């Protein structure tokens, strides 16, 4: 298996726990950014909505290279989306397929 610059295997995933103040508003912005994320080697996986608190979700993003994908979260397009999505708390995890 090939490794990216971070040393993690290619084909890793980024998991993000999101807690927006307005779930529907956040989801609309998230879906609209799908094409832009592809430029960073990110393809959308599922979005799992919390069964207890429906305002929380776990987002699964498949990535070709973690370092390249993380640049998406520093991009102006991401930052513009953050403004449109409203207040959102985020926690990030990196996962590897075994």
PDB file of N, CA and C in Angstrom:
ATOM      1  N   UNK A   1       0.850  -1.181   0.000  1.00  0.00           N
ATOM      2  CA  UNK A   1       0.000   0.000   0.000  1.00  0.00           C
ATOM      3  C   UNK A   1       0.891   1.238   0.000  1.00  0.00           C
ATOM      4  N   UNK A   2       0.604   2.200  -0.858  1.00  0.00           N
ATOM      5  CA  UNK A   2       1.379   3.432  -0.941  1.00  0.00           C
ATOM      6  C   UNK A   2       1.067   4.332   0.247  1.00  0.00           C
ATOM      7  N   UNK A   3       2.041   5.153   0.607  1.00  0.00           N
ATOM      8  CA  UNK A   3       1.845   6.124   1.679  1.00  0.00           C
ATOM      9  C   UNK A   3       1.860   7.530   1.118  1.00  0.00           C
ATOM     10  N   UNK A   4       1.094   8.418   1.753  1.00  0.00           N
ATOM     11  CA  UNK A   4       1.115   9.829   1.407  1.00  0.00           C
ATOM     12  C   UNK A   4       2.229  10.526   2.170  1.00  0.00           C
ATOM     13  N   UNK A   5       2.314  11.843   2.038  1.00  0.00           N
ATOM     14  CA  UNK A   5       3.364  12.613   2.695  1.00  0.00           C
ATOM     15  C   UNK A   5       3.303  12.481   4.205  1.00  0.00           C
ATOM     16  N   UNK A   6       2.122  12.291   4.773  1.00  0.00           N
ATOM     17  CA  UNK A   6       1.981  12.192   6.219  1.00  0.00           C
ATOM     18  C   UNK A   6       2.458  10.850   6.746  1.00  0.00           C
ATOM     19  N   UNK A   7       2.759   9.905   5.835  1.00  0.00           N
ATOM     20  CA  UNK A   7       3.156   8.573   6.247  1.00  0.00           C
ATOM     21  C   UNK A   7       1.980   7.638   6.409  1.00  0.00           C
ATOM     22  N   UNK A   8       0.769   8.173   6.359  1.00  0.00           N
ATOM     23  CA  UNK A   8      -0.433   7.344   6.452  1.00  0.00           C
ATOM     24  C   UNK A   8      -0.705   6.721   5.096  1.00  0.00           C
ATOM     25  N   UNK A   9      -1.267   5.514   5.075  1.00  0.00           N
ATOM     26  CA  UNK A   9      -1.550   4.873   3.797  1.00  0.00           C
ATOM     27  C   UNK A   9      -2.505   5.702   2.955  1.00  0.00           C
ATOM     28  N   UNK A  10      -2.286   5.644   1.631  1.00  0.00           N
ATOM     29  CA  UNK A  10      -3.239   6.273   0.717  1.00  0.00           C
ATOM     30  C   UNK A  10      -4.561   5.547   0.926  1.00  0.00           C
ATOM     31  N   UNK A  11      -5.657   6.250   0.776  1.00  0.00           N
ATOM     32  CA  UNK A  11      -6.959   5.623   0.977  1.00  0.00           C
ATOM     33  C   UNK A  11      -7.428   5.723   2.412  1.00  0.00           C
ATOM     34  N   UNK A  12      -6.922   6.691   3.133  1.00  0.00           N
ATOM     35  CA  UNK A  12      -7.374   6.929   4.499  1.00  0.00           C
ATOM     36  C   UNK A  12      -8.714   7.663   4.468  1.00  0.00           C
ATOM     37  N   UNK A  13      -9.253   7.927   5.635  1.00  0.00           N
ATOM     38  CA  UNK A  13     -10.511   8.666   5.739  1.00  0.00           C
ATOM     39  C   UNK A  13     -10.387   9.728   6.826  1.00  0.00           C
ATOM     40  N   UNK A  14     -11.120  10.794   6.635  1.00  0.00           N
ATOM     41  CA  UNK A  14     -11.260  11.807   7.668  1.00  0.00           C
ATOM     42  C   UNK A  14     -12.687  11.683   8.186  1.00  0.00           C
ATOM     43  N   UNK A  15     -12.816  11.548   9.485  1.00  0.00           N
ATOM     44  CA  UNK A  15     -14.126  11.501  10.130  1.00  0.00           C
ATOM     45  C   UNK A  15     -14.282  12.788  10.920  1.00  0.00           C
ATOM     46  N   UNK A  16     -15.414  13.446  10.726  1.00  0.00           N
ATOM     47  CA  UNK A  16     -15.643  14.728  11.392  1.00  0.00           C
ATOM     48  C   UNK A  16     -16.981  14.675  12.119  1.00  0.00           C
ATOM     49  N   UNK A  17     -16.925  14.917  13.414  1.00  0.00           N
ATOM     50  CA  UNK A  17     -18.163  15.039  14.199  1.00  0.00           C
ATOM     51  C   UNK A  17     -18.554  16.505  14.126  1.00  0.00           C
ATOM     52  N   UNK A  18     -19.714  16.777  13.552  1.00  0.00           N
ATOM     53  CA  UNK A  18     -20.179  18.156  13.416  1.00  0.00           C
ATOM     54  C   UNK A  18     -21.418  18.372  14.276  1.00  0.00           C
ATOM     55  N   UNK A  19     -21.443  19.547  14.881  1.00  0.00           N
ATOM     56  CA  UNK A  19     -22.596  19.928  15.699  1.00  0.00           C
ATOM     57  C   UNK A  19     -23.001  21.348  15.287  1.00  0.00           C
ATOM     58  N   UNK A  20     -23.812  21.447  14.222  1.00  0.00           N
ATOM     59  CA  UNK A  20     -24.240  22.779  13.766  1.00  0.00           C
ATOM     60  C   UNK A  20     -25.425  23.284  14.589  1.00  0.00           C
ATOM     61  N   UNK A  21     -25.569  24.596  14.632  1.00  0.00           N
ATOM     62  CA  UNK A  21     -26.750  25.155  15.289  1.00  0.00           C
ATOM     63  C   UNK A  21     -27.987  24.953  14.423  1.00  0.00           C
ATOM     64  N   UNK A  22     -27.790  24.840  13.102  1.00  0.00           N
ATOM     65  CA  UNK A  22     -28.891  24.612  12.162  1.00  0.00           C
ATOM     66  C   UNK A  22     -28.462  23.496  11.210  1.00  0.00           C
ATOM     67  N   UNK A  23     -28.872  22.256  11.503  1.00  0.00           N
ATOM     68  CA  UNK A  23     -28.436  21.086  10.745  1.00  0.00           C
ATOM     69  C   UNK A  23     -28.771  21.213   9.264  1.00  0.00           C
ATOM     70  N   UNK A  24     -29.978  21.574   8.917  1.00  0.00           N
ATOM     71  CA  UNK A  24     -30.383  21.647   7.509  1.00  0.00           C
ATOM     72  C   UNK A  24     -29.562  22.674   6.736  1.00  0.00           C
ATOM     73  N   UNK A  25     -29.292  23.809   7.349  1.00  0.00           N
ATOM     74  CA  UNK A  25     -28.467  24.840   6.717  1.00  0.00           C
ATOM     75  C   UNK A  25     -27.045  24.310   6.489  1.00  0.00           C
ATOM     76  N   UNK A  26     -26.461  23.672   7.521  1.00  0.00           N
ATOM     77  CA  UNK A  26     -25.122  23.108   7.392  1.00  0.00           C
ATOM     78  C   UNK A  26     -25.084  22.052   6.287  1.00  0.00           C
ATOM     79  N   UNK A  27     -26.063  21.139   6.259  1.00  0.00           N
ATOM     80  CA  UNK A  27     -26.069  20.058   5.283  1.00  0.00           C
ATOM     81  C   UNK A  27     -26.132  20.596   3.858  1.00  0.00           C
ATOM     82  N   UNK A  28     -26.917  21.612   3.632  1.00  0.00           N
ATOM     83  CA  UNK A  28     -27.018  22.207   2.296  1.00  0.00           C
ATOM     84  C   UNK A  28     -25.653  22.728   1.837  1.00  0.00           C
ATOM     85  N   UNK A  29     -24.929  23.396   2.724  1.00  0.00           N
ATOM     86  CA  UNK A  29     -23.604  23.931   2.385  1.00  0.00           C
ATOM     87  C   UNK A  29     -22.614  22.777   2.185  1.00  0.00           C
ATOM     88  N   UNK A  30     -22.692  21.764   3.028  1.00  0.00           N
ATOM     89  CA  UNK A  30     -21.802  20.603   2.918  1.00  0.00           C
ATOM     90  C   UNK A  30     -21.975  19.914   1.564  1.00  0.00           C
ATOM     91  N   UNK A  31     -23.192  19.650   1.183  1.00  0.00           N
ATOM     92  CA  UNK A  31     -23.471  18.972  -0.086  1.00  0.00           C
ATOM     93  C   UNK A  31     -23.005  19.828  -1.267  1.00  0.00           C
ATOM     94  N   UNK A  32     -23.227  21.123  -1.197  1.00  0.00           N
ATOM     95  CA  UNK A  32     -22.853  22.029  -2.287  1.00  0.00           C
ATOM     96  C   UNK A  32     -21.337  22.079  -2.509  1.00  0.00           C
ATOM     97  N   UNK A  33     -20.551  21.742  -1.483  1.00  0.00           N
ATOM     98  CA  UNK A  33     -19.088  21.813  -1.589  1.00  0.00           C
ATOM     99  C   UNK A  33     -18.460  20.510  -2.074  1.00  0.00           C
ATOM    100  N   UNK A  34     -19.259  19.524  -2.399  1.00  0.00           N
ATOM    101  CA  UNK A  34     -18.748  18.209  -2.786  1.00  0.00           C
ATOM    102  C   UNK A  34     -17.759  18.290  -3.946  1.00  0.00           C
ATOM    103  N   UNK A  35     -18.107  19.003  -4.987  1.00  0.00           N
ATOM    104  CA  UNK A  35     -17.239  19.130  -6.165  1.00  0.00           C
ATOM    105  C   UNK A  35     -15.925  19.818  -5.802  1.00  0.00           C
ATOM    106  N   UNK A  36     -15.983  20.850  -4.990  1.00  0.00           N
ATOM    107  CA  UNK A  36     -14.773  21.576  -4.590  1.00  0.00           C
ATOM    108  C   UNK A  36     -13.842  20.669  -3.779  1.00  0.00           C
ATOM    109  N   UNK A  37     -14.396  19.798  -2.945  1.00  0.00           N
ATOM    110  CA  UNK A  37     -13.564  18.883  -2.157  1.00  0.00           C
ATOM    111  C   UNK A  37     -12.808  17.902  -3.043  1.00  0.00           C
ATOM    112  N   UNK A  38     -13.374  17.539  -4.174  1.00  0.00           N
ATOM    113  CA  UNK A  38     -12.703  16.590  -5.079  1.00  0.00           C
ATOM    114  C   UNK A  38     -11.352  17.116  -5.554  1.00  0.00           C
ATOM    115  N   UNK A  39     -11.228  18.428  -5.665  1.00  0.00           N
ATOM    116  CA  UNK A  39      -9.951  19.024  -6.078  1.00  0.00           C
ATOM    117  C   UNK A  39      -8.845  18.757  -5.062  1.00  0.00           C
ATOM    118  N   UNK A  40      -9.217  18.390  -3.860  1.00  0.00           N
ATOM    119  CA  UNK A  40      -8.264  18.090  -2.793  1.00  0.00           C
ATOM    120  C   UNK A  40      -8.159  16.583  -2.548  1.00  0.00           C
ATOM    121  N   UNK A  41      -8.670  15.788  -3.489  1.00  0.00           N
ATOM    122  CA  UNK A  41      -8.598  14.337  -3.366  1.00  0.00           C
ATOM    123  C   UNK A  41      -9.575  13.757  -2.368  1.00  0.00           C
ATOM    124  N   UNK A  42     -10.673  14.462  -2.137  1.00  0.00           N
ATOM    125  CA  UNK A  42     -11.678  14.038  -1.169  1.00  0.00           C
ATOM    126  C   UNK A  42     -12.935  13.596  -1.905  1.00  0.00           C
ATOM    127  N   UNK A  43     -13.434  12.415  -1.569  1.00  0.00           N
ATOM    128  CA  UNK A  43     -14.737  11.985  -2.073  1.00  0.00           C
ATOM    129  C   UNK A  43     -15.643  11.739  -0.871  1.00  0.00           C
ATOM    130  N   UNK A  44     -16.891  12.080  -1.057  1.00  0.00           N
ATOM    131  CA  UNK A  44     -17.843  11.974   0.044  1.00  0.00           C
ATOM    132  C   UNK A  44     -18.201  10.534   0.353  1.00  0.00           C
ATOM    133  N   UNK A  45     -18.187  10.240   1.621  1.00  0.00           N
ATOM    134  CA  UNK A  45     -18.732   8.998   2.130  1.00  0.00           C
ATOM    135  C   UNK A  45     -20.072   9.345   2.767  1.00  0.00           C
ATOM    136  N   UNK A  46     -20.575   8.482   3.614  1.00  0.00           N
ATOM    137  CA  UNK A  46     -21.872   8.743   4.233  1.00  0.00           C
ATOM    138  C   UNK A  46     -21.806   9.819   5.320  1.00  0.00           C
ATOM    139  N   UNK A  47     -22.958  10.378   5.607  1.00  0.00           N
ATOM    140  CA  UNK A  47     -23.162  11.266   6.745  1.00  0.00           C
ATOM    141  C   UNK A  47     -24.117  10.526   7.675  1.00  0.00           C
ATOM    142  N   UNK A  48     -23.646  10.253   8.890  1.00  0.00           N
ATOM    143  CA  UNK A  48     -24.452   9.533   9.877  1.00  0.00           C
ATOM    144  C   UNK A  48     -25.029  10.540  10.867  1.00  0.00           C
ATOM    145  N   UNK A  49     -26.331  10.562  10.973  1.00  0.00           N
ATOM    146  CA  UNK A  49     -26.977  11.482  11.900  1.00  0.00           C
ATOM    147  C   UNK A  49     -27.180  10.798  13.246  1.00  0.00           C
ATOM    148  N   UNK A  50     -26.867  11.491  14.318  1.00  0.00           N
ATOM    149  CA  UNK A  50     -26.965  10.949  15.669  1.00  0.00           C
ATOM    150  C   UNK A  50     -28.413  10.597  15.999  1.00  0.00           C
ATOM    151  N   UNK A  51     -28.629   9.418  16.543  1.00  0.00           N
ATOM    152  CA  UNK A  51     -29.982   8.959  16.871  1.00  0.00           C
ATOM    153  C   UNK A  51     -30.548   9.667  18.097  1.00  0.00           C
ATOM    154  N   UNK A  52     -29.684  10.120  18.988  1.00  0.00           N
ATOM    155  CA  UNK A  52     -30.149  10.779  20.208  1.00  0.00           C
ATOM    156  C   UNK A  52     -30.298  12.280  20.018  1.00  0.00           C
ATOM    157  N   UNK A  53     -29.310  12.902  19.368  1.00  0.00           N
ATOM    158  CA  UNK A  53     -29.343  14.345  19.119  1.00  0.00           C
ATOM    159  C   UNK A  53     -29.257  14.541  17.602  1.00  0.00           C
ATOM    160  N   UNK A  54     -30.366  14.757  16.957  1.00  0.00           N
ATOM    161  CA  UNK A  54     -30.408  14.845  15.493  1.00  0.00           C
ATOM    162  C   UNK A  54     -29.722  16.088  14.933  1.00  0.00           C
ATOM    163  N   UNK A  55     -29.179  16.924  15.779  1.00  0.00           N
ATOM    164  CA  UNK A  55     -28.434  18.093  15.322  1.00  0.00           C
ATOM    165  C   UNK A  55     -26.934  17.787  15.224  1.00  0.00           C
ATOM    166  N   UNK A  56     -26.540  16.542  15.517  1.00  0.00           N
ATOM    167  CA  UNK A  56     -25.145  16.119  15.452  1.00  0.00           C
ATOM    168  C   UNK A  56     -25.007  15.065  14.358  1.00  0.00           C
ATOM    169  N   UNK A  57     -23.896  15.130  13.621  1.00  0.00           N
ATOM    170  CA  UNK A  57     -23.654  14.139  12.568  1.00  0.00           C
ATOM    171  C   UNK A  57     -22.181  13.745  12.559  1.00  0.00           C
ATOM    172  N   UNK A  58     -21.918  12.560  12.012  1.00  0.00           N
ATOM    173  CA  UNK A  58     -20.559  12.108  11.760  1.00  0.00           C
ATOM    174  C   UNK A  58     -20.394  12.044  10.246  1.00  0.00           C
ATOM    175  N   UNK A  59     -19.446  12.814   9.730  1.00  0.00           N
ATOM    176  CA  UNK A  59     -19.196  12.906   8.292  1.00  0.00           C
ATOM    177  C   UNK A  59     -17.989  12.041   7.965  1.00  0.00           C
ATOM    178  N   UNK A  60     -18.137  11.164   6.984  1.00  0.00           N
ATOM    179  CA  UNK A  60     -17.055  10.270   6.542  1.00  0.00           C
ATOM    180  C   UNK A  60     -16.592  10.763   5.178  1.00  0.00           C
ATOM    181  N   UNK A  61     -15.334  11.196   5.100  1.00  0.00           N
ATOM    182  CA  UNK A  61     -14.749  11.655   3.839  1.00  0.00           C
ATOM    183  C   UNK A  61     -13.604  10.717   3.466  1.00  0.00           C
ATOM    184  N   UNK A  62     -13.650  10.135   2.282  1.00  0.00           N
ATOM    185  CA  UNK A  62     -12.560   9.298   1.780  1.00  0.00           C
ATOM    186  C   UNK A  62     -11.522  10.213   1.154  1.00  0.00           C
ATOM    187  N   UNK A  63     -10.239   9.980   1.479  1.00  0.00           N
ATOM    188  CA  UNK A  63      -9.190  10.867   0.986  1.00  0.00           C
ATOM    189  C   UNK A  63      -8.063  10.075   0.340  1.00  0.00           C
ATOM    190  N   UNK A  64      -7.511  10.639  -0.729  1.00  0.00           N
ATOM    191  CA  UNK A  64      -6.363  10.031  -1.400  1.00  0.00           C
ATOM    192  C   UNK A  64      -5.100  10.225  -0.577  1.00  0.00           C
ATOM    193  N   UNK A  65      -4.941  11.414  -0.001  1.00  0.00           N
ATOM    194  CA  UNK A  65      -3.770  11.758   0.799  1.00  0.00           C
ATOM    195  C   UNK A  65      -4.234  12.720   1.893  1.00  0.00           C
ATOM    196  N   UNK A  66      -3.943  12.386   3.128  1.00  0.00           N
ATOM    197  CA  UNK A  66      -4.441  13.174   4.265  1.00  0.00           C
ATOM    198  C   UNK A  66      -3.913  14.603   4.228  1.00  0.00           C
ATOM    199  N   UNK A  67      -2.615  14.774   3.963  1.00  0.00           N
ATOM    200  CA  UNK A  67      -2.045  16.131   3.949  1.00  0.00           C
ATOM    201  C   UNK A  67      -2.711  17.001   2.892  1.00  0.00           C
ATOM    202  N   UNK A  68      -2.890  16.453   1.716  1.00  0.00           N
ATOM    203  CA  UNK A  68      -3.558  17.205   0.635  1.00  0.00           C
ATOM    204  C   UNK A  68      -4.996  17.525   1.027  1.00  0.00           C
ATOM    205  N   UNK A  69      -5.699  16.555   1.580  1.00  0.00           N
ATOM    206  CA  UNK A  69      -7.102  16.755   1.966  1.00  0.00           C
ATOM    207  C   UNK A  69      -7.238  17.822   3.055  1.00  0.00           C
ATOM    208  N   UNK A  70      -6.318  17.843   3.996  1.00  0.00           N
ATOM    209  CA  UNK A  70      -6.415  18.813   5.088  1.00  0.00           C
ATOM    210  C   UNK A  70      -6.256  20.250   4.589  1.00  0.00           C
ATOM    211  N   UNK A  71      -5.649  20.424   3.415  1.00  0.00           N
ATOM    212  CA  UNK A  71      -5.530  21.764   2.835  1.00  0.00           C
ATOM    213  C   UNK A  71      -6.906  22.332   2.462  1.00  0.00           C
ATOM    214  N   UNK A  72      -7.876  21.458   2.220  1.00  0.00           N
ATOM    215  CA  UNK A  72      -9.244  21.907   1.945  1.00  0.00           C
ATOM    216  C   UNK A  72      -9.760  22.755   3.106  1.00  0.00           C
ATOM    217  N   UNK A  73      -9.463  22.318   4.325  1.00  0.00           N
ATOM    218  CA  UNK A  73      -9.983  22.999   5.506  1.00  0.00           C
ATOM    219  C   UNK A  73      -9.280  24.328   5.771  1.00  0.00           C
ATOM    220  N   UNK A  74      -8.231  24.622   5.021  1.00  0.00           N
ATOM    221  CA  UNK A  74      -7.533  25.902   5.113  1.00  0.00           C
ATOM    222  C   UNK A  74      -7.863  26.813   3.930  1.00  0.00           C
ATOM    223  N   UNK A  75      -8.618  26.289   2.970  1.00  0.00           N
ATOM    224  CA  UNK A  75      -8.893  27.035   1.738  1.00  0.00           C
ATOM    225  C   UNK A  75      -9.937  28.137   1.956  1.00  0.00           C
ATOM    226  N   UNK A  76      -9.880  29.125   1.085  1.00  0.00           N
ATOM    227  CA  UNK A  76     -10.859  30.212   1.134  1.00  0.00           C
ATOM    228  C   UNK A  76     -12.271  29.693   0.874  1.00  0.00           C
ATOM    229  N   UNK A  77     -12.393  28.698  -0.019  1.00  0.00           N
ATOM    230  CA  UNK A  77     -13.720  28.159  -0.327  1.00  0.00           C
ATOM    231  C   UNK A  77     -14.335  27.486   0.899  1.00  0.00           C
ATOM    232  N   UNK A  78     -13.525  26.764   1.674  1.00  0.00           N
ATOM    233  CA  UNK A  78     -14.034  26.164   2.902  1.00  0.00           C
ATOM    234  C   UNK A  78     -14.449  27.260   3.887  1.00  0.00           C
ATOM    235  N   UNK A  79     -13.602  28.254   4.043  1.00  0.00           N
ATOM    236  CA  UNK A  79     -13.887  29.338   4.988  1.00  0.00           C
ATOM    237  C   UNK A  79     -15.159  30.096   4.601  1.00  0.00           C
ATOM    238  N   UNK A  80     -15.396  30.275   3.303  1.00  0.00           N
ATOM    239  CA  UNK A  80     -16.637  30.918   2.854  1.00  0.00           C
ATOM    240  C   UNK A  80     -17.838  30.041   3.200  1.00  0.00           C
ATOM    241  N   UNK A  81     -17.696  28.732   3.011  1.00  0.00           N
ATOM    242  CA  UNK A  81     -18.762  27.793   3.354  1.00  0.00           C
ATOM    243  C   UNK A  81     -19.066  27.805   4.840  1.00  0.00           C
ATOM    244  N   UNK A  82     -18.025  27.927   5.648  1.00  0.00           N
ATOM    245  CA  UNK A  82     -18.213  27.994   7.101  1.00  0.00           C
ATOM    246  C   UNK A  82     -19.104  29.179   7.464  1.00  0.00           C
ATOM    247  N   UNK A  83     -18.878  30.303   6.820  1.00  0.00           N
ATOM    248  CA  UNK A  83     -19.698  31.489   7.088  1.00  0.00           C
ATOM    249  C   UNK A  83     -21.159  31.246   6.702  1.00  0.00           C
ATOM    250  N   UNK A  84     -21.373  30.571   5.559  1.00  0.00           N
ATOM    251  CA  UNK A  84     -22.746  30.293   5.114  1.00  0.00           C
ATOM    252  C   UNK A  84     -23.432  29.236   5.976  1.00  0.00           C
ATOM    253  N   UNK A  85     -22.659  28.311   6.528  1.00  0.00           N
ATOM    254  CA  UNK A  85     -23.233  27.205   7.294  1.00  0.00           C
ATOM    255  C   UNK A  85     -23.652  27.616   8.704  1.00  0.00           C
ATOM    256  N   UNK A  86     -23.175  28.738   9.176  1.00  0.00           N
ATOM    257  CA  UNK A  86     -23.495  29.157  10.533  1.00  0.00           C
ATOM    258  C   UNK A  86     -22.528  28.534  11.531  1.00  0.00           C
ATOM    259  N   UNK A  87     -22.875  28.610  12.778  1.00  0.00           N
ATOM    260  CA  UNK A  87     -21.998  28.104  13.834  1.00  0.00           C
ATOM    261  C   UNK A  87     -22.003  26.579  13.814  1.00  0.00           C
ATOM    262  N   UNK A  88     -20.792  26.015  13.707  1.00  0.00           N
ATOM    263  CA  UNK A  88     -20.640  24.562  13.676  1.00  0.00           C
ATOM    264  C   UNK A  88     -19.427  24.188  14.510  1.00  0.00           C
ATOM    265  N   UNK A  89     -19.634  23.306  15.474  1.00  0.00           N
ATOM    266  CA  UNK A  89     -18.502  22.734  16.206  1.00  0.00           C
ATOM    267  C   UNK A  89     -18.014  21.526  15.423  1.00  0.00           C
ATOM    268  N   UNK A  90     -16.682  21.334  15.353  1.00  0.00           N
ATOM    269  CA  UNK A  90     -16.110  20.207  14.606  1.00  0.00           C
ATOM    270  C   UNK A  90     -15.031  19.515  15.412  1.00  0.00           C
ATOM    271  N   UNK A  91     -15.007  18.183  15.329  1.00  0.00           N
ATOM    272  CA  UNK A  91     -13.926  17.368  15.877  1.00  0.00           C
ATOM    273  C   UNK A  91     -13.460  16.463  14.742  1.00  0.00           C
ATOM    274  N   UNK A  92     -12.148  16.372  14.511  1.00  0.00           N
ATOM    275  CA  UNK A  92     -11.592  15.602  13.403  1.00  0.00           C
ATOM    276  C   UNK A  92     -10.883  14.342  13.892  1.00  0.00           C
ATOM    277  N   UNK A  93     -11.016  13.259  13.112  1.00  0.00           N
ATOM    278  CA  UNK A  93     -10.254  12.019  13.311  1.00  0.00           C
ATOM    279  C   UNK A  93      -9.760  11.545  11.963  1.00  0.00           C
ATOM    280  N   UNK A  94      -8.605  10.913  11.954  1.00  0.00           N
ATOM    281  CA  UNK A  94      -8.067  10.292  10.751  1.00  0.00           C
ATOM    282  C   UNK A  94      -8.169   8.788  10.945  1.00  0.00           C
ATOM    283  N   UNK A  95      -8.705   8.089   9.941  1.00  0.00           N
ATOM    284  CA  UNK A  95      -8.881   6.642  10.029  1.00  0.00           C
ATOM    285  C   UNK A  95      -8.191   5.965   8.844  1.00  0.00           C
ATOM    286  N   UNK A  96      -7.736   4.746   9.069  1.00  0.00           N
ATOM    287  CA  UNK A  96      -7.094   3.958   8.037  1.00  0.00           C
ATOM    288  C   UNK A  96      -7.846   2.645   7.864  1.00  0.00           C
ATOM    289  N   UNK A  97      -8.030   2.236   6.635  1.00  0.00           N
ATOM    290  CA  UNK A  97      -8.667   0.955   6.366  1.00  0.00           C
ATOM    291  C   UNK A  97      -7.659  -0.160   6.630  1.00  0.00           C
ATOM    292  N   UNK A  98      -8.096  -1.187   7.285  1.00  0.00           N
ATOM    293  CA  UNK A  98      -7.213  -2.340   7.568  1.00  0.00           C
ATOM    294  C   UNK A  98      -7.814  -3.592   7.009  1.00  0.00           C
TER     295      UNK A  98
END
